[in-house]
Amino acid sequence: MTIWDQVLARLREGMPAEDFHRWFGATAYASDSGDQITVWVPSEAIRRHLDNNYQEAIARALEEHGRAYTHVRLVVTGFEDDEDDETR
């Protein structure tokens, strides 16, 4: 189980299942360098929403797992942006 899995388990406890699925369901653990965890997110809109609304909750969950000084870096994968490609 990754640290991101542990954070997600903690966040899941404190929110409605629909909200959890909407905002965290498509996130994916990418890497952990000790002081930074990289997490893939499907779109810029979701990245912004997580950053603006869940940053403190994520930090609290990390602190509960002994990772108070770990930063979460949310990286947009862009796979939802394929629909906007108008080069065809």
N, C-alpha and C. Protein backbone atom coordinates (compact mmCIF):
# COMPACT_ATOMS: atom_id res chain seq x y z
N MET A 1 0.85 -1.18 0.00
CA MET A 1 0.00 0.00 0.00
C MET A 1 0.89 1.25 0.00
N THR A 2 0.64 2.15 -0.94
CA THR A 2 1.44 3.38 -1.02
C THR A 2 0.94 4.41 -0.02
N ILE A 3 1.73 5.44 0.18
CA ILE A 3 1.30 6.53 1.07
C ILE A 3 0.06 7.20 0.48
N TRP A 4 -0.05 7.28 -0.84
CA TRP A 4 -1.23 7.89 -1.45
C TRP A 4 -2.47 7.03 -1.16
N ASP A 5 -2.33 5.71 -1.19
CA ASP A 5 -3.44 4.83 -0.82
C ASP A 5 -3.88 5.11 0.62
N GLN A 6 -2.93 5.33 1.50
CA GLN A 6 -3.24 5.61 2.90
C GLN A 6 -3.94 6.96 3.04
N VAL A 7 -3.47 7.96 2.28
CA VAL A 7 -4.13 9.27 2.29
C VAL A 7 -5.55 9.15 1.77
N LEU A 8 -5.73 8.42 0.68
CA LEU A 8 -7.07 8.25 0.11
C LEU A 8 -8.01 7.55 1.09
N ALA A 9 -7.51 6.55 1.78
CA ALA A 9 -8.34 5.84 2.76
C ALA A 9 -8.81 6.80 3.85
N ARG A 10 -7.92 7.66 4.29
CA ARG A 10 -8.27 8.64 5.33
C ARG A 10 -9.28 9.66 4.80
N LEU A 11 -9.07 10.16 3.59
CA LEU A 11 -9.98 11.14 3.01
C LEU A 11 -11.36 10.55 2.77
N ARG A 12 -11.39 9.29 2.34
CA ARG A 12 -12.66 8.61 2.05
C ARG A 12 -13.57 8.59 3.28
N GLU A 13 -12.96 8.47 4.47
CA GLU A 13 -13.74 8.42 5.71
C GLU A 13 -14.50 9.72 5.97
N GLY A 14 -13.98 10.83 5.49
CA GLY A 14 -14.54 12.12 5.86
C GLY A 14 -15.39 12.80 4.81
N MET A 15 -15.79 12.08 3.76
CA MET A 15 -16.59 12.73 2.73
C MET A 15 -17.59 11.76 2.10
N PRO A 16 -18.64 12.30 1.50
CA PRO A 16 -19.60 11.44 0.82
C PRO A 16 -18.92 10.64 -0.30
N ALA A 17 -19.37 9.41 -0.50
CA ALA A 17 -18.75 8.53 -1.50
C ALA A 17 -18.77 9.15 -2.89
N GLU A 18 -19.85 9.85 -3.23
CA GLU A 18 -19.95 10.47 -4.56
C GLU A 18 -18.87 11.53 -4.76
N ASP A 19 -18.65 12.36 -3.74
CA ASP A 19 -17.61 13.39 -3.82
C ASP A 19 -16.23 12.75 -3.92
N PHE A 20 -16.01 11.74 -3.11
CA PHE A 20 -14.70 11.08 -3.15
C PHE A 20 -14.45 10.52 -4.55
N HIS A 21 -15.42 9.84 -5.10
CA HIS A 21 -15.25 9.25 -6.43
C HIS A 21 -15.03 10.34 -7.48
N ARG A 22 -15.79 11.42 -7.41
CA ARG A 22 -15.67 12.51 -8.40
C ARG A 22 -14.28 13.12 -8.39
N TRP A 23 -13.76 13.41 -7.20
CA TRP A 23 -12.51 14.17 -7.13
C TRP A 23 -11.26 13.31 -7.01
N PHE A 24 -11.36 12.15 -6.40
CA PHE A 24 -10.17 11.33 -6.17
C PHE A 24 -10.16 10.02 -6.92
N GLY A 25 -11.29 9.64 -7.51
CA GLY A 25 -11.41 8.33 -8.15
C GLY A 25 -10.45 8.08 -9.29
N ALA A 26 -10.09 9.13 -10.01
CA ALA A 26 -9.20 8.97 -11.17
C ALA A 26 -7.76 9.38 -10.88
N THR A 27 -7.44 9.63 -9.60
CA THR A 27 -6.05 9.95 -9.28
C THR A 27 -5.24 8.67 -9.24
N ALA A 28 -3.95 8.81 -9.50
CA ALA A 28 -3.09 7.62 -9.49
C ALA A 28 -1.72 8.00 -8.92
N TYR A 29 -1.24 7.18 -8.02
CA TYR A 29 0.09 7.35 -7.43
C TYR A 29 1.14 7.21 -8.52
N ALA A 30 2.09 8.13 -8.56
CA ALA A 30 3.17 8.07 -9.54
C ALA A 30 4.51 7.76 -8.88
N SER A 31 4.86 8.53 -7.82
CA SER A 31 6.16 8.29 -7.17
C SER A 31 6.21 8.95 -5.80
N ASP A 32 7.21 8.54 -5.02
CA ASP A 32 7.42 9.07 -3.68
C ASP A 32 8.92 9.22 -3.48
N SER A 33 9.38 10.47 -3.39
CA SER A 33 10.80 10.72 -3.20
C SER A 33 11.14 11.01 -1.75
N GLY A 34 10.19 10.80 -0.86
CA GLY A 34 10.43 11.06 0.56
C GLY A 34 9.81 12.37 0.99
N ASP A 35 10.24 13.48 0.37
CA ASP A 35 9.67 14.78 0.73
C ASP A 35 8.61 15.23 -0.26
N GLN A 36 8.41 14.45 -1.34
CA GLN A 36 7.39 14.79 -2.32
C GLN A 36 6.75 13.53 -2.89
N ILE A 37 5.42 13.54 -2.92
CA ILE A 37 4.67 12.47 -3.57
C ILE A 37 4.10 13.05 -4.85
N THR A 38 4.27 12.36 -5.95
CA THR A 38 3.69 12.79 -7.22
C THR A 38 2.46 11.94 -7.49
N VAL A 39 1.36 12.62 -7.82
CA VAL A 39 0.08 11.96 -8.08
C VAL A 39 -0.44 12.45 -9.43
N TRP A 40 -0.84 11.50 -10.27
CA TRP A 40 -1.44 11.84 -11.57
C TRP A 40 -2.90 12.19 -11.36
N VAL A 41 -3.36 13.24 -12.03
CA VAL A 41 -4.78 13.60 -12.05
C VAL A 41 -5.20 13.76 -13.51
N PRO A 42 -6.48 13.51 -13.82
CA PRO A 42 -6.90 13.46 -15.22
C PRO A 42 -7.07 14.80 -15.93
N SER A 43 -7.26 15.89 -15.18
CA SER A 43 -7.51 17.17 -15.85
C SER A 43 -7.03 18.33 -14.98
N GLU A 44 -6.83 19.47 -15.63
CA GLU A 44 -6.45 20.68 -14.91
C GLU A 44 -7.56 21.12 -13.96
N ALA A 45 -8.81 20.94 -14.35
CA ALA A 45 -9.94 21.32 -13.49
C ALA A 45 -9.91 20.52 -12.19
N ILE A 46 -9.66 19.24 -12.27
CA ILE A 46 -9.59 18.41 -11.06
C ILE A 46 -8.36 18.80 -10.24
N ARG A 47 -7.23 19.04 -10.89
CA ARG A 47 -6.03 19.47 -10.16
C ARG A 47 -6.31 20.74 -9.37
N ARG A 48 -6.92 21.72 -10.01
CA ARG A 48 -7.23 22.98 -9.33
C ARG A 48 -8.20 22.75 -8.17
N HIS A 49 -9.22 21.94 -8.39
CA HIS A 49 -10.21 21.70 -7.34
C HIS A 49 -9.55 21.03 -6.12
N LEU A 50 -8.73 20.02 -6.37
CA LEU A 50 -8.05 19.35 -5.26
C LEU A 50 -7.13 20.32 -4.53
N ASP A 51 -6.40 21.11 -5.29
CA ASP A 51 -5.47 22.06 -4.71
C ASP A 51 -6.20 23.12 -3.87
N ASN A 52 -7.32 23.60 -4.38
CA ASN A 52 -8.07 24.67 -3.70
C ASN A 52 -8.94 24.18 -2.55
N ASN A 53 -9.40 22.93 -2.60
CA ASN A 53 -10.39 22.48 -1.63
C ASN A 53 -9.93 21.36 -0.70
N TYR A 54 -8.89 20.64 -1.07
CA TYR A 54 -8.50 19.47 -0.27
C TYR A 54 -7.05 19.50 0.21
N GLN A 55 -6.35 20.57 -0.07
CA GLN A 55 -4.94 20.65 0.30
C GLN A 55 -4.74 20.44 1.81
N GLU A 56 -5.56 21.07 2.64
CA GLU A 56 -5.41 20.93 4.09
C GLU A 56 -5.75 19.52 4.55
N ALA A 57 -6.79 18.93 3.99
CA ALA A 57 -7.17 17.57 4.37
C ALA A 57 -6.08 16.58 3.98
N ILE A 58 -5.48 16.77 2.81
CA ILE A 58 -4.38 15.91 2.36
C ILE A 58 -3.20 16.06 3.32
N ALA A 59 -2.89 17.31 3.70
CA ALA A 59 -1.78 17.56 4.62
C ALA A 59 -2.03 16.90 5.98
N ARG A 60 -3.27 16.97 6.47
CA ARG A 60 -3.60 16.33 7.75
C ARG A 60 -3.44 14.81 7.66
N ALA A 61 -3.90 14.24 6.55
CA ALA A 61 -3.78 12.79 6.37
C ALA A 61 -2.31 12.38 6.32
N LEU A 62 -1.49 13.16 5.64
CA LEU A 62 -0.05 12.86 5.59
C LEU A 62 0.56 12.95 6.99
N GLU A 63 0.17 13.97 7.75
CA GLU A 63 0.70 14.13 9.10
C GLU A 63 0.33 12.94 9.98
N GLU A 64 -0.90 12.44 9.81
CA GLU A 64 -1.34 11.27 10.60
C GLU A 64 -0.51 10.03 10.28
N HIS A 65 0.10 10.01 9.11
CA HIS A 65 0.94 8.87 8.71
C HIS A 65 2.43 9.18 8.84
N GLY A 66 2.74 10.21 9.65
CA GLY A 66 4.13 10.53 9.92
C GLY A 66 4.86 11.22 8.79
N ARG A 67 4.10 11.85 7.89
CA ARG A 67 4.70 12.50 6.72
C ARG A 67 4.32 13.98 6.68
N ALA A 68 4.42 14.66 7.81
CA ALA A 68 3.99 16.05 7.92
C ALA A 68 4.71 16.99 6.97
N TYR A 69 5.92 16.67 6.60
CA TYR A 69 6.69 17.58 5.76
C TYR A 69 6.75 17.12 4.31
N THR A 70 5.84 16.26 3.93
CA THR A 70 5.78 15.76 2.56
C THR A 70 4.81 16.60 1.74
N HIS A 71 5.25 17.02 0.57
CA HIS A 71 4.43 17.80 -0.35
C HIS A 71 3.83 16.87 -1.39
N VAL A 72 2.56 17.10 -1.75
CA VAL A 72 1.92 16.34 -2.81
C VAL A 72 1.92 17.19 -4.08
N ARG A 73 2.53 16.66 -5.11
CA ARG A 73 2.58 17.33 -6.41
C ARG A 73 1.55 16.66 -7.31
N LEU A 74 0.55 17.44 -7.73
CA LEU A 74 -0.50 16.93 -8.61
C LEU A 74 -0.12 17.24 -10.06
N VAL A 75 -0.01 16.21 -10.88
CA VAL A 75 0.41 16.37 -12.26
C VAL A 75 -0.72 15.92 -13.18
N VAL A 76 -1.10 16.80 -14.10
CA VAL A 76 -2.18 16.49 -15.03
C VAL A 76 -1.66 15.56 -16.12
N THR A 77 -2.37 14.44 -16.30
CA THR A 77 -1.98 13.48 -17.34
C THR A 77 -2.48 13.89 -18.70
N GLY A 78 -3.60 14.60 -18.73
CA GLY A 78 -4.13 15.10 -19.99
C GLY A 78 -4.98 14.14 -20.77
N PHE A 79 -5.27 12.94 -20.23
CA PHE A 79 -6.03 12.00 -21.04
C PHE A 79 -7.47 12.43 -21.27
N GLU A 80 -8.02 13.31 -20.44
CA GLU A 80 -9.36 13.83 -20.70
C GLU A 80 -9.35 14.92 -21.75
N ASP A 81 -8.19 15.52 -22.00
CA ASP A 81 -8.07 16.61 -22.97
C ASP A 81 -8.13 16.10 -24.40
N ASP A 82 -8.03 14.81 -24.63
CA ASP A 82 -8.05 14.26 -25.98
C ASP A 82 -9.31 14.65 -26.73
N GLU A 83 -10.41 14.82 -26.02
CA GLU A 83 -11.67 15.19 -26.64
C GLU A 83 -11.59 16.58 -27.25
N ASP A 84 -10.72 17.42 -26.74
CA ASP A 84 -10.62 18.81 -27.20
C ASP A 84 -9.66 18.96 -28.38
N ASP A 85 -9.06 17.89 -28.82
CA ASP A 85 -8.10 17.95 -29.90
C ASP A 85 -8.83 18.16 -31.21
N GLU A 86 -8.65 19.36 -31.80
CA GLU A 86 -9.36 19.69 -33.03
C GLU A 86 -8.46 19.66 -34.24
N THR A 87 -7.41 18.84 -34.22
CA THR A 87 -6.49 18.78 -35.35
C THR A 87 -7.00 17.88 -36.46
N ARG A 88 -8.10 17.19 -36.24
CA ARG A 88 -8.64 16.28 -37.26
C ARG A 88 -9.56 17.00 -38.20
